[in-house]
Amino acid sequence: MNWERIEGNWKQLKGRIREQWGKLTDDDLDMIDGRREQLSGRIQERYGIARDEAERQLERWRNGVRDSSFRP
């Protein structure tokens, strides 16, 4: 799924994001509002990981969200 589609369906995908990164709060997700860089930064902050690791995790997650399995 491309990031533009993730941004457009942010409210529906927040649950999946919380499943992957449970330390993110609803307030975090509301502030991120679909912006990839904001999400990456918040993952770094909450999990104490480097930027490149947060980006790798985010890319793996994005690749796992299949258009065919996503039904808003």
Protein backbone atom coordinates (compact mmCIF):
# COMPACT_ATOMS: atom_id res chain seq x y z
CA MET A 1 0.00 0.00 0.00
CA ASN A 2 1.43 3.37 -0.90
CA TRP A 3 1.76 6.06 1.73
CA GLU A 4 -0.81 8.37 0.11
CA ARG A 5 -3.44 5.70 0.59
CA ILE A 6 -2.33 5.18 4.19
CA GLU A 7 -2.71 8.92 4.82
CA GLY A 8 -6.17 8.88 3.24
CA ASN A 9 -7.31 5.96 5.40
CA TRP A 10 -5.48 6.96 8.56
CA LYS A 11 -8.45 6.63 10.90
CA GLN A 12 -9.14 3.09 9.74
CA LEU A 13 -5.47 2.07 9.97
CA LYS A 14 -4.77 3.43 13.45
CA GLY A 15 -5.80 0.12 15.01
CA ARG A 16 -3.30 -1.79 12.91
CA ILE A 17 -0.59 0.67 13.86
CA ARG A 18 -1.40 0.24 17.55
CA GLU A 19 -1.17 -3.55 17.10
CA GLN A 20 2.34 -3.14 15.72
CA TRP A 21 3.54 -0.37 18.02
CA GLY A 22 1.53 -0.63 21.23
CA LYS A 23 3.49 2.09 23.01
CA LEU A 24 1.97 4.70 20.70
CA THR A 25 -0.98 6.43 22.31
CA ASP A 26 -4.21 7.59 20.70
CA ASP A 27 -2.94 11.15 21.22
CA ASP A 28 0.26 10.25 19.36
CA LEU A 29 -1.72 8.87 16.44
CA ASP A 30 -4.04 11.87 16.36
CA MET A 31 -1.06 14.24 16.21
CA ILE A 32 0.72 12.16 13.56
CA ASP A 33 -2.41 12.25 11.37
CA GLY A 34 -0.94 10.01 8.67
CA ARG A 35 2.38 11.80 8.24
CA ARG A 36 5.13 9.24 7.75
CA GLU A 37 7.99 11.30 9.18
CA GLN A 38 5.97 12.09 12.28
CA LEU A 39 5.16 8.40 12.76
CA SER A 40 8.79 7.40 12.31
CA GLY A 41 9.90 10.01 14.84
CA ARG A 42 7.33 8.94 17.40
CA ILE A 43 8.35 5.27 17.00
CA GLN A 44 11.98 6.31 17.61
CA GLU A 45 11.00 8.23 20.70
CA ARG A 46 8.70 5.63 22.26
CA TYR A 47 10.95 2.64 21.56
CA GLY A 48 14.36 4.27 21.95
CA ILE A 49 15.60 3.14 18.56
CA ALA A 50 17.62 4.81 15.82
CA ARG A 51 15.97 6.50 12.87
CA ASP A 52 17.11 3.85 10.38
CA GLU A 53 15.61 1.07 12.50
CA ALA A 54 12.32 2.95 12.83
CA GLU A 55 12.25 3.43 9.06
CA ARG A 56 12.94 -0.29 8.49
CA GLN A 57 10.11 -1.26 10.82
CA LEU A 58 7.78 1.22 9.18
CA GLU A 59 8.62 -0.05 5.71
CA ARG A 60 8.05 -3.68 6.76
CA TRP A 61 4.70 -2.68 8.23
CA ARG A 62 3.70 -0.76 5.11
CA ASN A 63 4.61 -3.70 2.90
CA GLY A 64 2.49 -5.96 5.10
CA VAL A 65 -0.62 -3.85 4.67
CA ARG A 66 -2.06 -5.30 1.52
CA ASP A 67 -4.57 -3.41 -0.56
CA SER A 68 -6.60 -6.59 -0.96
CA SER A 69 -6.86 -7.15 2.80
CA PHE A 70 -7.65 -3.52 3.63
CA ARG A 71 -11.33 -2.77 3.64
CA PRO A 72 -12.14 0.65 5.15
